[in-house]
C-alpha atoms as a PDB file:
ATOM      1  CA  UNK A   1      77.899 140.642  75.874  1.00  0.00           C
ATOM      2  CA  UNK A   2      76.736 138.692  78.890  1.00  0.00           C
ATOM      3  CA  UNK A   3      73.238 139.164  80.292  1.00  0.00           C
ATOM      4  CA  UNK A   4      73.062 142.108  82.641  1.00  0.00           C
ATOM      5  CA  UNK A   5      76.469 143.444  81.599  1.00  0.00           C
ATOM      6  CA  UNK A   6      76.830 147.168  81.096  1.00  0.00           C
ATOM      7  CA  UNK A   7      77.165 148.391  77.500  1.00  0.00           C
ATOM      8  CA  UNK A   8      79.927 150.664  78.749  1.00  0.00           C
ATOM      9  CA  UNK A   9      83.572 149.932  79.428  1.00  0.00           C
ATOM     10  CA  UNK A  10      86.401 152.152  80.589  1.00  0.00           C
ATOM     11  CA  UNK A  11      84.866 152.866  83.992  1.00  0.00           C
ATOM     12  CA  UNK A  12      81.434 153.292  82.420  1.00  0.00           C
ATOM     13  CA  UNK A  13      82.496 156.155  80.178  1.00  0.00           C
ATOM     14  CA  UNK A  14      83.149 154.534  76.800  1.00  0.00           C
ATOM     15  CA  UNK A  15      81.031 152.292  74.603  1.00  0.00           C
ATOM     16  CA  UNK A  16      82.676 149.570  72.504  1.00  0.00           C
ATOM     17  CA  UNK A  17      81.892 151.657  69.385  1.00  0.00           C
ATOM     18  CA  UNK A  18      83.664 154.669  70.900  1.00  0.00           C
ATOM     19  CA  UNK A  19      86.630 152.506  71.824  1.00  0.00           C
ATOM     20  CA  UNK A  20      86.851 151.314  68.228  1.00  0.00           C
ATOM     21  CA  UNK A  21      86.905 154.956  67.104  1.00  0.00           C
ATOM     22  CA  UNK A  22      89.637 155.716  69.638  1.00  0.00           C
ATOM     23  CA  UNK A  23      91.718 152.835  68.331  1.00  0.00           C
ATOM     24  CA  UNK A  24      92.036 154.805  65.089  1.00  0.00           C
ATOM     25  CA  UNK A  25      94.536 157.014  66.919  1.00  0.00           C
ATOM     26  CA  UNK A  26      96.657 153.950  67.706  1.00  0.00           C
ATOM     27  CA  UNK A  27      96.436 152.820  64.070  1.00  0.00           C
ATOM     28  CA  UNK A  28      97.459 156.305  62.881  1.00  0.00           C
ATOM     29  CA  UNK A  29     100.563 156.103  65.047  1.00  0.00           C
ATOM     30  CA  UNK A  30     101.592 152.996  63.115  1.00  0.00           C
ATOM     31  CA  UNK A  31     100.772 154.662  59.787  1.00  0.00           C
ATOM     32  CA  UNK A  32     103.247 157.391  60.704  1.00  0.00           C
ATOM     33  CA  UNK A  33     105.916 155.379  62.494  1.00  0.00           C
ATOM     34  CA  UNK A  34     106.002 151.708  61.459  1.00  0.00           C
ATOM     35  CA  UNK A  35     104.174 151.355  58.131  1.00  0.00           C
ATOM     36  CA  UNK A  36     106.206 153.787  55.930  1.00  0.00           C
ATOM     37  CA  UNK A  37     108.501 151.864  53.586  1.00  0.00           C
ATOM     38  CA  UNK A  38     111.790 153.071  55.096  1.00  0.00           C
ATOM     39  CA  UNK A  39     110.858 152.265  58.697  1.00  0.00           C
ATOM     40  CA  UNK A  40     109.017 149.026  57.868  1.00  0.00           C
ATOM     41  CA  UNK A  41     112.070 147.655  56.080  1.00  0.00           C
ATOM     42  CA  UNK A  42     114.380 148.376  58.986  1.00  0.00           C
ATOM     43  CA  UNK A  43     112.036 147.152  61.711  1.00  0.00           C
ATOM     44  CA  UNK A  44     111.147 143.929  59.851  1.00  0.00           C
ATOM     45  CA  UNK A  45     114.598 143.087  58.448  1.00  0.00           C
ATOM     46  CA  UNK A  46     115.880 140.831  61.246  1.00  0.00           C
ATOM     47  CA  UNK A  47     112.587 138.994  61.632  1.00  0.00           C
ATOM     48  CA  UNK A  48     112.404 138.589  57.852  1.00  0.00           C
ATOM     49  CA  UNK A  49     115.740 136.762  57.833  1.00  0.00           C
ATOM     50  CA  UNK A  50     114.446 134.325  60.431  1.00  0.00           C
ATOM     51  CA  UNK A  51     111.128 133.769  58.664  1.00  0.00           C
ATOM     52  CA  UNK A  52     112.904 133.033  55.357  1.00  0.00           C
ATOM     53  CA  UNK A  53     115.147 130.520  57.101  1.00  0.00           C
ATOM     54  CA  UNK A  54     112.217 128.773  58.796  1.00  0.00           C
ATOM     55  CA  UNK A  55     110.131 128.601  55.628  1.00  0.00           C
ATOM     56  CA  UNK A  56     112.965 127.170  53.523  1.00  0.00           C
ATOM     57  CA  UNK A  57     114.495 124.752  56.045  1.00  0.00           C
ATOM     58  CA  UNK A  58     113.158 121.214  55.559  1.00  0.00           C
ATOM     59  CA  UNK A  59     114.257 120.412  59.120  1.00  0.00           C
ATOM     60  CA  UNK A  60     112.633 123.444  60.764  1.00  0.00           C
ATOM     61  CA  UNK A  61     110.332 122.727  63.720  1.00  0.00           C
ATOM     62  CA  UNK A  62     106.659 122.197  62.878  1.00  0.00           C
ATOM     63  CA  UNK A  63     105.860 125.268  64.976  1.00  0.00           C
ATOM     64  CA  UNK A  64     108.054 128.293  65.536  1.00  0.00           C
ATOM     65  CA  UNK A  65     106.985 131.276  67.589  1.00  0.00           C
ATOM     66  CA  UNK A  66     108.698 134.613  67.038  1.00  0.00           C
ATOM     67  CA  UNK A  67     107.832 137.192  69.649  1.00  0.00           C
ATOM     68  CA  UNK A  68     107.719 140.856  68.789  1.00  0.00           C
ATOM     69  CA  UNK A  69     105.741 143.998  69.441  1.00  0.00           C
ATOM     70  CA  UNK A  70     102.917 145.596  67.538  1.00  0.00           C
ATOM     71  CA  UNK A  71     105.593 147.624  65.702  1.00  0.00           C
ATOM     72  CA  UNK A  72     107.056 144.360  64.380  1.00  0.00           C
ATOM     73  CA  UNK A  73     103.625 143.152  63.262  1.00  0.00           C
ATOM     74  CA  UNK A  74     102.800 146.383  61.438  1.00  0.00           C
ATOM     75  CA  UNK A  75     106.264 146.610  59.835  1.00  0.00           C
ATOM     76  CA  UNK A  76     106.062 143.023  58.594  1.00  0.00           C
ATOM     77  CA  UNK A  77     102.496 143.572  57.370  1.00  0.00           C
ATOM     78  CA  UNK A  78     103.634 146.699  55.542  1.00  0.00           C
ATOM     79  CA  UNK A  79     106.518 144.913  53.818  1.00  0.00           C
ATOM     80  CA  UNK A  80     104.113 142.189  52.682  1.00  0.00           C
ATOM     81  CA  UNK A  81     101.386 144.653  51.652  1.00  0.00           C
ATOM     82  CA  UNK A  82      98.941 143.279  54.226  1.00  0.00           C
ATOM     83  CA  UNK A  83      96.057 145.052  55.932  1.00  0.00           C
ATOM     84  CA  UNK A  84      93.664 143.715  58.551  1.00  0.00           C
ATOM     85  CA  UNK A  85      90.587 144.683  60.539  1.00  0.00           C
ATOM     86  CA  UNK A  86      89.874 142.835  63.755  1.00  0.00           C
ATOM     87  CA  UNK A  87      86.441 143.114  65.420  1.00  0.00           C
ATOM     88  CA  UNK A  88      86.268 146.074  67.785  1.00  0.00           C
ATOM     89  CA  UNK A  89      89.462 147.679  66.472  1.00  0.00           C
ATOM     90  CA  UNK A  90      90.247 150.220  63.755  1.00  0.00           C
ATOM     91  CA  UNK A  91      91.779 149.160  60.453  1.00  0.00           C
ATOM     92  CA  UNK A  92      95.389 147.995  60.897  1.00  0.00           C
ATOM     93  CA  UNK A  93      95.318 148.401  64.682  1.00  0.00           C
ATOM     94  CA  UNK A  94      96.922 145.257  66.134  1.00  0.00           C
ATOM     95  CA  UNK A  95      95.055 144.049  69.218  1.00  0.00           C
ATOM     96  CA  UNK A  96      96.833 143.275  72.474  1.00  0.00           C
ATOM     97  CA  UNK A  97      98.221 139.751  72.340  1.00  0.00           C
ATOM     98  CA  UNK A  98      97.410 139.331  68.652  1.00  0.00           C
ATOM     99  CA  UNK A  99      99.429 137.130  66.339  1.00  0.00           C
ATOM    100  CA  UNK A 100     100.454 137.329  62.717  1.00  0.00           C
ATOM    101  CA  UNK A 101     100.703 133.755  61.511  1.00  0.00           C
ATOM    102  CA  UNK A 102     102.348 132.222  58.477  1.00  0.00           C
ATOM    103  CA  UNK A 103     101.435 128.633  57.647  1.00  0.00           C
ATOM    104  CA  UNK A 104     103.517 126.551  55.259  1.00  0.00           C
ATOM    105  CA  UNK A 105     101.597 124.024  53.155  1.00  0.00           C
ATOM    106  CA  UNK A 106     102.954 121.409  50.772  1.00  0.00           C
ATOM    107  CA  UNK A 107     101.101 119.811  47.874  1.00  0.00           C
ATOM    108  CA  UNK A 108     102.270 116.221  48.110  1.00  0.00           C
ATOM    109  CA  UNK A 109     101.174 115.522  44.539  1.00  0.00           C
ATOM    110  CA  UNK A 110     103.649 117.926  42.949  1.00  0.00           C
ATOM    111  CA  UNK A 111     105.849 118.981  45.905  1.00  0.00           C
ATOM    112  CA  UNK A 112     105.036 122.688  45.521  1.00  0.00           C
ATOM    113  CA  UNK A 113     104.916 124.759  48.692  1.00  0.00           C
ATOM    114  CA  UNK A 114     102.355 127.384  49.608  1.00  0.00           C
ATOM    115  CA  UNK A 115     101.807 129.837  52.443  1.00  0.00           C
ATOM    116  CA  UNK A 116      98.711 131.161  54.140  1.00  0.00           C
ATOM    117  CA  UNK A 117      99.010 134.327  56.214  1.00  0.00           C
ATOM    118  CA  UNK A 118      96.505 135.100  58.943  1.00  0.00           C
ATOM    119  CA  UNK A 119      95.939 137.397  61.889  1.00  0.00           C
ATOM    120  CA  UNK A 120      94.421 136.124  65.126  1.00  0.00           C
ATOM    121  CA  UNK A 121      93.442 137.864  68.361  1.00  0.00           C
ATOM    122  CA  UNK A 122      90.992 137.688  71.214  1.00  0.00           C
ATOM    123  CA  UNK A 123      88.081 140.095  71.052  1.00  0.00           C
ATOM    124  CA  UNK A 124      87.841 143.037  73.422  1.00  0.00           C
ATOM    125  CA  UNK A 125      85.073 141.231  75.298  1.00  0.00           C
ATOM    126  CA  UNK A 126      87.225 138.107  75.692  1.00  0.00           C
ATOM    127  CA  UNK A 127      90.081 140.248  77.007  1.00  0.00           C
ATOM    128  CA  UNK A 128      87.804 142.258  79.278  1.00  0.00           C
ATOM    129  CA  UNK A 129      86.332 139.236  81.037  1.00  0.00           C
ATOM    130  CA  UNK A 130      89.593 137.239  80.923  1.00  0.00           C
ATOM    131  CA  UNK A 131      87.829 134.494  79.005  1.00  0.00           C
ATOM    132  CA  UNK A 132      90.183 131.565  78.403  1.00  0.00           C
ATOM    133  CA  UNK A 133      90.390 130.338  74.824  1.00  0.00           C
ATOM    134  CA  UNK A 134      88.644 127.073  74.127  1.00  0.00           C
ATOM    135  CA  UNK A 135      86.208 125.475  71.730  1.00  0.00           C
ATOM    136  CA  UNK A 136      83.436 127.833  72.854  1.00  0.00           C
ATOM    137  CA  UNK A 137      85.568 130.987  72.762  1.00  0.00           C
ATOM    138  CA  UNK A 138      88.114 130.839  69.966  1.00  0.00           C
ATOM    139  CA  UNK A 139      90.010 134.026  69.123  1.00  0.00           C
ATOM    140  CA  UNK A 140      88.916 135.845  65.980  1.00  0.00           C
ATOM    141  CA  UNK A 141      91.037 134.898  62.972  1.00  0.00           C
ATOM    142  CA  UNK A 142      91.137 136.308  59.449  1.00  0.00           C
ATOM    143  CA  UNK A 143      93.078 135.191  56.402  1.00  0.00           C
ATOM    144  CA  UNK A 144      95.250 137.967  54.961  1.00  0.00           C
ATOM    145  CA  UNK A 145      95.854 138.202  51.241  1.00  0.00           C
ATOM    146  CA  UNK A 146      99.305 138.888  49.828  1.00  0.00           C
ATOM    147  CA  UNK A 147      99.173 141.546  47.111  1.00  0.00           C
ATOM    148  CA  UNK A 148     101.188 139.566  44.532  1.00  0.00           C
ATOM    149  CA  UNK A 149      99.137 136.412  44.880  1.00  0.00           C
ATOM    150  CA  UNK A 150      96.432 135.160  42.579  1.00  0.00           C
ATOM    151  CA  UNK A 151      94.542 133.934  45.588  1.00  0.00           C
ATOM    152  CA  UNK A 152      92.466 130.820  45.702  1.00  0.00           C
ATOM    153  CA  UNK A 153      89.576 130.300  48.130  1.00  0.00           C
ATOM    154  CA  UNK A 154      91.848 128.989  50.893  1.00  0.00           C
ATOM    155  CA  UNK A 155      94.201 131.982  50.902  1.00  0.00           C
ATOM    156  CA  UNK A 156      97.117 129.846  49.728  1.00  0.00           C
ATOM    157  CA  UNK A 157      99.904 131.506  47.748  1.00  0.00           C
ATOM    158  CA  UNK A 158     103.102 130.073  46.268  1.00  0.00           C
ATOM    159  CA  UNK A 159     105.948 130.192  48.798  1.00  0.00           C
ATOM    160  CA  UNK A 160     107.985 132.588  46.641  1.00  0.00           C
ATOM    161  CA  UNK A 161     105.182 135.167  46.950  1.00  0.00           C
ATOM    162  CA  UNK A 162     106.208 135.768  50.571  1.00  0.00           C
ATOM    163  CA  UNK A 163     109.918 134.943  50.277  1.00  0.00           C
ATOM    164  CA  UNK A 164     110.593 137.524  47.560  1.00  0.00           C
ATOM    165  CA  UNK A 165     109.591 140.679  49.507  1.00  0.00           C
ATOM    166  CA  UNK A 166     111.177 139.330  52.697  1.00  0.00           C
ATOM    167  CA  UNK A 167     114.454 138.630  50.902  1.00  0.00           C
ATOM    168  CA  UNK A 168     114.594 142.235  49.645  1.00  0.00           C
ATOM    169  CA  UNK A 169     114.641 143.604  53.190  1.00  0.00           C
ATOM    170  CA  UNK A 170     116.511 140.805  54.978  1.00  0.00           C
ATOM    171  CA  UNK A 171     119.732 142.135  53.472  1.00  0.00           C
ATOM    172  CA  UNK A 172     119.337 145.253  55.623  1.00  0.00           C
ATOM    173  CA  UNK A 173     119.908 143.158  58.764  1.00  0.00           C
ATOM    174  CA  UNK A 174     123.382 142.120  57.677  1.00  0.00           C
END
């Protein structure tokens, strides 16, 4: 918090800690609507097809951006068994403008491919003061751990660890 700034937000009526508690209501909405297996599969099926294609295509662009809503993020996280907690938010409450990222890595020694999944978002303070991202104010980022992965310290998992659950639901989009 900047010097002299009020500890309250929301027109001086809510502290950041209270706002974090309130965000539990938003997270509960997703637990009811987007995270259950049936809904998650249907919401994430089309995006899953595209992600599989991008991860397996040797000629795919180095960066692809798929735009969706918080429902898409929670559904995809549910299908992959992912959970996250961003600073200032409740568990599994996706912040405004957050991003679920999937990085593809290749071990040039043996040719094996790996993925690292992460979540990234600006903090509430950064959003509140419209602080542009830069070296001094990077968004918060956390590595997410796939449930079927014997994780190493970098969060890297074999490519098939993410392809397998996505393939199961991508068929629903056809």
